[in-house]
Amino acid sequence: MDELPVPPEAEIAKDASELFRGWIVNRRLECVLWPAAFEDHATWGVLLADAAHHIADALAEEQGADREQILRDIAGAFTQQMHESTRGHRGKFVDPEE
C-alpha cells in the first residue's frame, strides 16, 4: 500500500488530528474520515476548497496546466457529484477520540 507522508509540522505538534484519508482501491475511491471533527459543518467546505486550491497549484506547477481551468474542472465535477451521484458512498466514519 502506498501512503503519503505525514506533514512535518504534524509530527512535532502537540495537537494534530488526521481528518480524512482516501485511497484508490481496485479503481474505486475508498475513504475513512472523522465527520465530527468540526463544530461548524461548513468548515468541511473550507477544507475541500483549500484542497482544491492546493491541487490546482500543484498541477499548474508540475504540469504547466492552467490553474483557473483546473479549479473550474474540480468545481464542475464537485457540483455534478453532489447533485447527480447515484453510485452510493462507502467508507468508515470514525471518532479518534473514542
N, C-alpha and C. Protein backbone atom coordinates (compact mmCIF):
# COMPACT_ATOMS: atom_id res chain seq x y z
N MET A 1 0.85 -1.17 0.00
CA MET A 1 0.00 0.00 0.00
C MET A 1 0.90 1.24 0.00
N ASP A 2 0.56 2.20 -0.84
CA ASP A 2 1.29 3.46 -0.89
C ASP A 2 0.60 4.47 0.02
N GLU A 3 1.37 5.06 0.94
CA GLU A 3 0.84 6.09 1.84
C GLU A 3 1.59 7.38 1.62
N LEU A 4 0.90 8.49 1.77
CA LEU A 4 1.55 9.79 1.72
C LEU A 4 2.18 10.08 3.07
N PRO A 5 3.21 10.89 3.10
CA PRO A 5 3.87 11.20 4.37
C PRO A 5 3.01 12.12 5.25
N VAL A 6 3.22 12.02 6.53
CA VAL A 6 2.60 12.93 7.49
C VAL A 6 3.34 14.26 7.38
N PRO A 7 2.62 15.39 7.36
CA PRO A 7 3.32 16.69 7.29
C PRO A 7 4.27 16.86 8.47
N PRO A 8 5.47 17.40 8.24
CA PRO A 8 6.46 17.55 9.31
C PRO A 8 5.92 18.30 10.53
N GLU A 9 5.12 19.34 10.32
CA GLU A 9 4.58 20.08 11.47
C GLU A 9 3.65 19.22 12.30
N ALA A 10 2.90 18.32 11.66
CA ALA A 10 2.00 17.43 12.40
C ALA A 10 2.79 16.44 13.24
N GLU A 11 3.96 16.06 12.77
CA GLU A 11 4.80 15.11 13.51
C GLU A 11 5.25 15.68 14.85
N ILE A 12 5.48 16.99 14.90
CA ILE A 12 6.03 17.59 16.12
C ILE A 12 5.02 18.40 16.91
N ALA A 13 3.83 18.59 16.37
CA ALA A 13 2.81 19.41 17.04
C ALA A 13 2.29 18.72 18.29
N LYS A 14 1.94 19.52 19.28
CA LYS A 14 1.33 18.98 20.50
C LYS A 14 -0.11 18.57 20.23
N ASP A 15 -0.76 19.22 19.25
CA ASP A 15 -2.16 18.94 18.94
C ASP A 15 -2.32 18.84 17.43
N ALA A 16 -2.46 17.63 16.92
CA ALA A 16 -2.67 17.40 15.49
C ALA A 16 -3.62 16.22 15.32
N SER A 17 -4.56 16.34 14.41
CA SER A 17 -5.54 15.27 14.17
C SER A 17 -5.68 15.03 12.68
N GLU A 18 -5.72 13.78 12.31
CA GLU A 18 -5.99 13.42 10.92
C GLU A 18 -7.50 13.44 10.72
N LEU A 19 -7.95 14.05 9.62
CA LEU A 19 -9.37 14.23 9.38
C LEU A 19 -9.93 13.32 8.30
N PHE A 20 -9.09 12.99 7.32
CA PHE A 20 -9.58 12.29 6.13
C PHE A 20 -8.44 11.50 5.49
N ARG A 21 -8.73 10.30 5.05
CA ARG A 21 -7.80 9.51 4.24
C ARG A 21 -8.59 8.96 3.06
N GLY A 22 -7.98 8.98 1.90
CA GLY A 22 -8.65 8.43 0.74
C GLY A 22 -7.68 7.59 -0.08
N TRP A 23 -8.19 6.52 -0.67
CA TRP A 23 -7.39 5.62 -1.49
C TRP A 23 -8.15 5.27 -2.76
N ILE A 24 -7.39 4.90 -3.78
CA ILE A 24 -7.97 4.24 -4.94
C ILE A 24 -7.70 2.75 -4.72
N VAL A 25 -8.75 1.97 -4.54
CA VAL A 25 -8.64 0.53 -4.28
C VAL A 25 -9.40 -0.17 -5.40
N ASN A 26 -8.66 -0.93 -6.20
CA ASN A 26 -9.29 -1.62 -7.33
C ASN A 26 -10.14 -0.68 -8.16
N ARG A 27 -9.56 0.51 -8.44
CA ARG A 27 -10.17 1.54 -9.27
C ARG A 27 -11.43 2.16 -8.67
N ARG A 28 -11.60 2.06 -7.35
CA ARG A 28 -12.71 2.70 -6.64
C ARG A 28 -12.13 3.59 -5.55
N LEU A 29 -12.82 4.67 -5.25
CA LEU A 29 -12.41 5.53 -4.15
C LEU A 29 -12.92 4.95 -2.84
N GLU A 30 -12.02 4.80 -1.90
CA GLU A 30 -12.35 4.36 -0.54
C GLU A 30 -11.84 5.42 0.42
N CYS A 31 -12.57 5.69 1.47
CA CYS A 31 -12.11 6.71 2.40
C CYS A 31 -12.49 6.36 3.84
N VAL A 32 -11.75 6.97 4.74
CA VAL A 32 -12.02 6.92 6.17
C VAL A 32 -11.97 8.37 6.62
N LEU A 33 -12.96 8.78 7.40
CA LEU A 33 -12.96 10.17 7.83
C LEU A 33 -13.54 10.33 9.22
N TRP A 34 -13.27 11.48 9.79
CA TRP A 34 -13.77 11.85 11.11
C TRP A 34 -14.80 12.97 10.90
N PRO A 35 -16.08 12.61 10.73
CA PRO A 35 -17.08 13.60 10.35
C PRO A 35 -17.35 14.67 11.40
N ALA A 36 -17.12 14.38 12.67
CA ALA A 36 -17.43 15.34 13.73
C ALA A 36 -16.22 16.18 14.13
N ALA A 37 -15.24 16.27 13.24
CA ALA A 37 -14.02 16.99 13.57
C ALA A 37 -14.26 18.48 13.80
N PHE A 38 -15.29 19.03 13.16
CA PHE A 38 -15.57 20.46 13.25
C PHE A 38 -16.95 20.69 13.86
N GLU A 39 -17.05 21.66 14.75
CA GLU A 39 -18.37 22.03 15.29
C GLU A 39 -19.26 22.58 14.18
N ASP A 40 -18.70 23.42 13.33
CA ASP A 40 -19.44 24.01 12.22
C ASP A 40 -19.23 23.13 11.00
N HIS A 41 -20.28 22.47 10.55
CA HIS A 41 -20.17 21.55 9.41
C HIS A 41 -19.68 22.24 8.15
N ALA A 42 -19.91 23.54 8.04
CA ALA A 42 -19.47 24.28 6.86
C ALA A 42 -17.94 24.31 6.75
N THR A 43 -17.25 24.04 7.84
CA THR A 43 -15.78 24.03 7.80
C THR A 43 -15.29 22.94 6.85
N TRP A 44 -16.07 21.86 6.66
CA TRP A 44 -15.69 20.85 5.67
C TRP A 44 -15.61 21.48 4.28
N GLY A 45 -16.48 22.44 3.99
CA GLY A 45 -16.42 23.14 2.71
C GLY A 45 -15.13 23.91 2.57
N VAL A 46 -14.66 24.52 3.65
CA VAL A 46 -13.39 25.24 3.65
C VAL A 46 -12.25 24.26 3.37
N LEU A 47 -12.28 23.10 4.04
CA LEU A 47 -11.25 22.08 3.82
C LEU A 47 -11.24 21.62 2.36
N LEU A 48 -12.40 21.36 1.80
CA LEU A 48 -12.47 20.90 0.41
C LEU A 48 -12.00 21.98 -0.56
N ALA A 49 -12.36 23.23 -0.30
CA ALA A 49 -11.91 24.33 -1.16
C ALA A 49 -10.40 24.50 -1.05
N ASP A 50 -9.86 24.41 0.15
CA ASP A 50 -8.42 24.53 0.34
C ASP A 50 -7.70 23.41 -0.40
N ALA A 51 -8.24 22.19 -0.32
CA ALA A 51 -7.64 21.06 -1.04
C ALA A 51 -7.66 21.33 -2.55
N ALA A 52 -8.76 21.85 -3.06
CA ALA A 52 -8.85 22.15 -4.49
C ALA A 52 -7.79 23.16 -4.91
N HIS A 53 -7.57 24.18 -4.10
CA HIS A 53 -6.54 25.17 -4.42
C HIS A 53 -5.14 24.56 -4.40
N HIS A 54 -4.86 23.69 -3.43
CA HIS A 54 -3.56 23.02 -3.38
C HIS A 54 -3.37 22.12 -4.61
N ILE A 55 -4.41 21.41 -5.00
CA ILE A 55 -4.33 20.55 -6.17
C ILE A 55 -4.06 21.38 -7.42
N ALA A 56 -4.81 22.48 -7.57
CA ALA A 56 -4.62 23.35 -8.74
C ALA A 56 -3.22 23.94 -8.78
N ASP A 57 -2.73 24.38 -7.63
CA ASP A 57 -1.36 24.93 -7.58
C ASP A 57 -0.33 23.88 -7.99
N ALA A 58 -0.48 22.67 -7.45
CA ALA A 58 0.48 21.60 -7.74
C ALA A 58 0.46 21.22 -9.21
N LEU A 59 -0.73 21.05 -9.79
CA LEU A 59 -0.82 20.66 -11.19
C LEU A 59 -0.34 21.78 -12.11
N ALA A 60 -0.61 23.01 -11.74
CA ALA A 60 -0.13 24.13 -12.55
C ALA A 60 1.40 24.16 -12.54
N GLU A 61 1.98 23.93 -11.38
CA GLU A 61 3.45 23.95 -11.27
C GLU A 61 4.09 22.73 -11.93
N GLU A 62 3.55 21.55 -11.65
CA GLU A 62 4.16 20.31 -12.14
C GLU A 62 3.91 20.04 -13.62
N GLN A 63 2.72 20.41 -14.10
CA GLN A 63 2.34 20.06 -15.47
C GLN A 63 2.21 21.27 -16.39
N GLY A 64 2.32 22.47 -15.83
CA GLY A 64 2.12 23.66 -16.64
C GLY A 64 0.67 23.88 -17.02
N ALA A 65 -0.24 23.23 -16.31
CA ALA A 65 -1.67 23.35 -16.59
C ALA A 65 -2.19 24.70 -16.12
N ASP A 66 -3.32 25.11 -16.67
CA ASP A 66 -3.95 26.38 -16.29
C ASP A 66 -4.66 26.23 -14.95
N ARG A 67 -4.19 26.94 -13.94
CA ARG A 67 -4.71 26.83 -12.59
C ARG A 67 -6.21 27.10 -12.52
N GLU A 68 -6.65 28.16 -13.16
CA GLU A 68 -8.07 28.53 -13.10
C GLU A 68 -8.95 27.48 -13.79
N GLN A 69 -8.45 26.88 -14.87
CA GLN A 69 -9.21 25.82 -15.54
C GLN A 69 -9.31 24.59 -14.66
N ILE A 70 -8.23 24.28 -13.97
CA ILE A 70 -8.26 23.14 -13.04
C ILE A 70 -9.32 23.37 -11.97
N LEU A 71 -9.36 24.58 -11.40
CA LEU A 71 -10.37 24.89 -10.38
C LEU A 71 -11.78 24.79 -10.95
N ARG A 72 -11.98 25.25 -12.18
CA ARG A 72 -13.31 25.13 -12.81
C ARG A 72 -13.67 23.66 -13.00
N ASP A 73 -12.71 22.85 -13.43
CA ASP A 73 -12.96 21.42 -13.62
C ASP A 73 -13.33 20.75 -12.30
N ILE A 74 -12.58 21.06 -11.25
CA ILE A 74 -12.86 20.48 -9.93
C ILE A 74 -14.24 20.91 -9.45
N ALA A 75 -14.54 22.20 -9.56
CA ALA A 75 -15.83 22.72 -9.10
C ALA A 75 -16.97 22.10 -9.89
N GLY A 76 -16.79 21.94 -11.19
CA GLY A 76 -17.84 21.34 -12.01
C GLY A 76 -18.11 19.90 -11.63
N ALA A 77 -17.05 19.13 -11.44
CA ALA A 77 -17.21 17.73 -11.04
C ALA A 77 -17.82 17.63 -9.65
N PHE A 78 -17.41 18.51 -8.74
CA PHE A 78 -17.96 18.51 -7.38
C PHE A 78 -19.46 18.78 -7.43
N THR A 79 -19.85 19.80 -8.15
CA THR A 79 -21.28 20.15 -8.24
C THR A 79 -22.07 19.02 -8.85
N GLN A 80 -21.56 18.43 -9.91
CA GLN A 80 -22.26 17.31 -10.55
C GLN A 80 -22.41 16.14 -9.59
N GLN A 81 -21.35 15.77 -8.91
CA GLN A 81 -21.41 14.64 -7.99
C GLN A 81 -22.32 14.91 -6.80
N MET A 82 -22.36 16.14 -6.33
CA MET A 82 -23.23 16.48 -5.21
C MET A 82 -24.70 16.34 -5.58
N HIS A 83 -25.03 16.60 -6.83
CA HIS A 83 -26.43 16.62 -7.24
C HIS A 83 -26.86 15.41 -8.06
N GLU A 84 -25.93 14.69 -8.66
CA GLU A 84 -26.32 13.62 -9.58
C GLU A 84 -25.76 12.26 -9.25
N SER A 85 -24.89 12.14 -8.27
CA SER A 85 -24.24 10.87 -8.00
C SER A 85 -25.27 9.83 -7.55
N THR A 86 -25.23 8.69 -8.22
CA THR A 86 -26.12 7.59 -7.86
C THR A 86 -25.32 6.34 -7.49
N ARG A 87 -24.01 6.48 -7.35
CA ARG A 87 -23.14 5.34 -7.08
C ARG A 87 -23.15 4.91 -5.63
N GLY A 88 -23.68 5.72 -4.75
CA GLY A 88 -23.60 5.38 -3.33
C GLY A 88 -22.23 5.72 -2.79
N HIS A 89 -22.11 5.66 -1.51
CA HIS A 89 -20.85 6.02 -0.87
C HIS A 89 -20.49 4.96 0.14
N ARG A 90 -19.22 4.61 0.16
CA ARG A 90 -18.72 3.62 1.11
C ARG A 90 -17.59 4.26 1.90
N GLY A 91 -17.38 3.77 3.07
CA GLY A 91 -16.28 4.27 3.87
C GLY A 91 -16.56 4.02 5.33
N LYS A 92 -15.60 4.37 6.14
CA LYS A 92 -15.75 4.24 7.58
C LYS A 92 -15.75 5.62 8.19
N PHE A 93 -16.64 5.81 9.13
CA PHE A 93 -16.72 7.06 9.84
C PHE A 93 -16.18 6.77 11.23
N VAL A 94 -15.19 7.51 11.64
CA VAL A 94 -14.51 7.21 12.89
C VAL A 94 -14.50 8.41 13.81
N ASP A 95 -14.36 8.14 15.07
CA ASP A 95 -14.14 9.17 16.06
C ASP A 95 -12.83 8.82 16.76
N PRO A 96 -11.75 9.52 16.43
CA PRO A 96 -10.46 9.17 17.00
C PRO A 96 -10.38 9.41 18.50
N GLU A 97 -11.37 10.09 19.05
CA GLU A 97 -11.34 10.36 20.49
C GLU A 97 -11.94 9.21 21.29
N GLU A 98 -12.51 8.23 20.61
CA GLU A 98 -13.08 7.08 21.32
C GLU A 98 -12.03 6.03 21.59
